[in-house]
Amino acid sequence: MTRPSRSALIVSDSAPLRRYAASSLEAIRFSCTETINGFHAMDRLSERLFDVYVIDLDMQTSDGMAIFAISLFGGLLDPSPIVIGVSSRPEAEARVGPWNEVLDLAALIPKPFRPEDLIAAVDAAFADRAKSHQH
């Protein structure tokens, strides 16, 4: 299947995770921008919007979900962004709960993840968005 060229912002304080996620998405024609924390992500969001946002929920320097909620309310994000969280913590789902009301997380992927896990989450999110736009 030929995929349209899309963009992703990958937010993580882990360089290996950023590179791994970027190479996974670049394999399906995504142009990826990497940032080291939520504050750097806000700088990028002030410059442009992305099709997908991959957020490491285990960052030490900033709470990625809080930064994205602030960005959404501040008008820096599309009103319905595709946000995918990655976390190695079993309690991540509970932590995401309050933010999920605002951001409607498309997927929460446990770390370590395989490229096909991220690709499947992205494909499912775009399929869901296409369905919701048809109704």
Protein backbone atom coordinates (compact mmCIF):
# COMPACT_ATOMS: atom_id res chain seq x y z
CA MET A 1 0.00 0.00 0.00
CA THR A 2 1.30 3.47 -0.89
CA ARG A 3 1.06 5.86 2.02
CA PRO A 4 0.87 9.63 1.81
CA SER A 5 3.83 11.54 3.19
CA ARG A 6 3.06 12.68 6.73
CA SER A 7 4.88 14.29 9.63
CA ALA A 8 5.50 13.24 13.23
CA LEU A 9 6.83 15.00 16.30
CA ILE A 10 8.58 12.58 18.65
CA VAL A 11 9.02 13.81 22.22
CA SER A 12 11.36 11.90 24.52
CA ASP A 13 14.39 12.56 26.71
CA SER A 14 15.75 9.20 25.51
CA ALA A 15 17.79 9.53 22.31
CA PRO A 16 17.52 5.79 21.53
CA LEU A 17 13.73 5.88 21.85
CA ARG A 18 13.50 8.98 19.63
CA ARG A 19 15.69 7.40 16.94
CA TYR A 20 13.86 4.06 17.14
CA ALA A 21 10.43 5.70 16.83
CA ALA A 22 11.66 7.98 14.04
CA SER A 23 13.18 5.13 12.02
CA SER A 24 9.97 3.11 12.47
CA LEU A 25 7.84 5.96 11.11
CA GLU A 26 10.32 6.99 8.43
CA ALA A 27 9.96 3.46 7.04
CA ILE A 28 6.34 4.34 6.22
CA ARG A 29 7.17 7.74 4.68
CA PHE A 30 6.88 9.98 7.73
CA SER A 31 9.06 13.01 8.07
CA CYS A 32 10.07 13.03 11.74
CA THR A 33 11.14 15.82 14.06
CA GLU A 34 12.64 14.83 17.41
CA THR A 35 12.54 16.89 20.59
CA ILE A 36 14.11 16.14 23.96
CA ASN A 37 11.22 17.22 26.21
CA GLY A 38 7.83 18.88 26.30
CA PHE A 39 9.27 22.38 26.46
CA HIS A 40 11.27 21.85 23.25
CA ALA A 41 8.13 20.34 21.73
CA MET A 42 6.26 23.58 22.44
CA ASP A 43 8.93 25.47 20.51
CA ARG A 44 8.39 23.18 17.52
CA LEU A 45 4.61 23.49 17.83
CA SER A 46 4.89 27.26 17.60
CA GLU A 47 6.55 26.74 14.19
CA ARG A 48 4.23 24.14 12.64
CA LEU A 49 1.68 21.38 13.18
CA PHE A 50 2.35 17.67 12.76
CA ASP A 51 0.13 14.78 11.69
CA VAL A 52 1.11 12.56 14.65
CA TYR A 53 2.64 13.20 18.07
CA VAL A 54 4.52 10.39 19.81
CA ILE A 55 5.06 11.22 23.49
CA ASP A 56 7.30 9.37 25.94
CA LEU A 57 5.26 9.41 29.16
CA ASP A 58 8.33 8.47 31.24
CA MET A 59 10.29 11.68 30.68
CA GLN A 60 12.13 13.05 33.70
CA THR A 61 12.28 16.68 32.59
CA SER A 62 8.63 17.41 31.82
CA ASP A 63 5.21 15.83 31.77
CA GLY A 64 4.54 15.32 28.08
CA MET A 65 0.79 15.05 28.46
CA ALA A 66 0.58 18.29 30.46
CA ILE A 67 2.64 20.13 27.87
CA PHE A 68 0.39 18.89 25.08
CA ALA A 69 -2.76 19.85 27.00
CA ILE A 70 -1.36 23.35 27.48
CA SER A 71 -0.47 23.49 23.77
CA LEU A 72 -3.97 22.37 22.79
CA PHE A 73 -5.63 25.02 24.94
CA GLY A 74 -3.12 27.62 23.80
CA GLY A 75 -4.13 27.04 20.19
CA LEU A 76 -0.79 25.51 19.18
CA LEU A 77 -2.39 22.16 18.24
CA ASP A 78 -5.07 21.07 15.83
CA PRO A 79 -8.30 20.62 17.83
CA SER A 80 -8.09 16.82 17.45
CA PRO A 81 -4.43 15.79 17.29
CA ILE A 82 -3.34 12.17 16.92
CA VAL A 83 -1.32 11.56 20.08
CA ILE A 84 0.35 8.23 20.84
CA GLY A 85 1.92 7.65 24.24
CA VAL A 86 4.72 5.21 25.03
CA SER A 87 5.59 4.12 28.56
CA SER A 88 7.32 1.36 30.48
CA ARG A 89 5.31 2.04 33.64
CA PRO A 90 2.36 -0.20 34.48
CA GLU A 91 0.55 2.78 36.05
CA ALA A 92 0.83 4.86 32.86
CA GLU A 93 -2.80 4.31 31.95
CA ALA A 94 -3.94 5.73 35.29
CA ARG A 95 -1.58 8.72 34.92
CA VAL A 96 -2.88 9.43 31.44
CA GLY A 97 -6.52 9.26 32.55
CA PRO A 98 -7.08 12.95 33.38
CA TRP A 99 -5.26 14.14 30.26
CA ASN A 100 -7.08 11.66 28.07
CA GLU A 101 -10.28 13.68 28.59
CA VAL A 102 -8.51 16.55 26.83
CA LEU A 103 -6.20 14.83 24.35
CA ASP A 104 -8.07 11.63 23.52
CA LEU A 105 -4.89 9.55 23.34
CA ALA A 106 -5.04 7.40 20.19
CA ALA A 107 -2.90 4.63 21.73
CA LEU A 108 -0.74 3.81 24.71
CA ILE A 109 2.12 1.53 23.68
CA PRO A 110 4.22 -0.29 26.28
CA LYS A 111 8.01 0.02 26.08
CA PRO A 112 9.92 -1.62 24.66
CA PHE A 113 7.84 -1.63 21.50
CA ARG A 114 8.36 -3.13 18.08
CA PRO A 115 8.20 -0.94 14.95
CA GLU A 116 5.05 -2.76 13.87
CA ASP A 117 3.37 -1.82 17.20
CA LEU A 118 3.89 1.88 16.53
CA ILE A 119 2.95 1.56 12.86
CA ALA A 120 -0.24 -0.34 13.74
CA ALA A 121 -1.20 2.34 16.30
CA VAL A 122 -0.62 5.11 13.75
CA ASP A 123 -2.58 3.27 11.04
CA ALA A 124 -5.47 2.62 13.45
CA ALA A 125 -5.54 6.27 14.53
CA PHE A 126 -5.74 7.49 10.93
CA ALA A 127 -8.43 4.90 10.15
CA ASP A 128 -10.46 6.04 13.18
CA ARG A 129 -10.08 9.68 12.14
CA ALA A 130 -11.23 8.87 8.58
CA LYS A 131 -14.29 7.04 9.95
CA SER A 132 -15.21 9.91 12.27
CA HIS A 133 -14.92 12.43 9.40
CA GLN A 134 -17.32 10.34 7.28
CA HIS A 135 -20.11 10.64 9.87
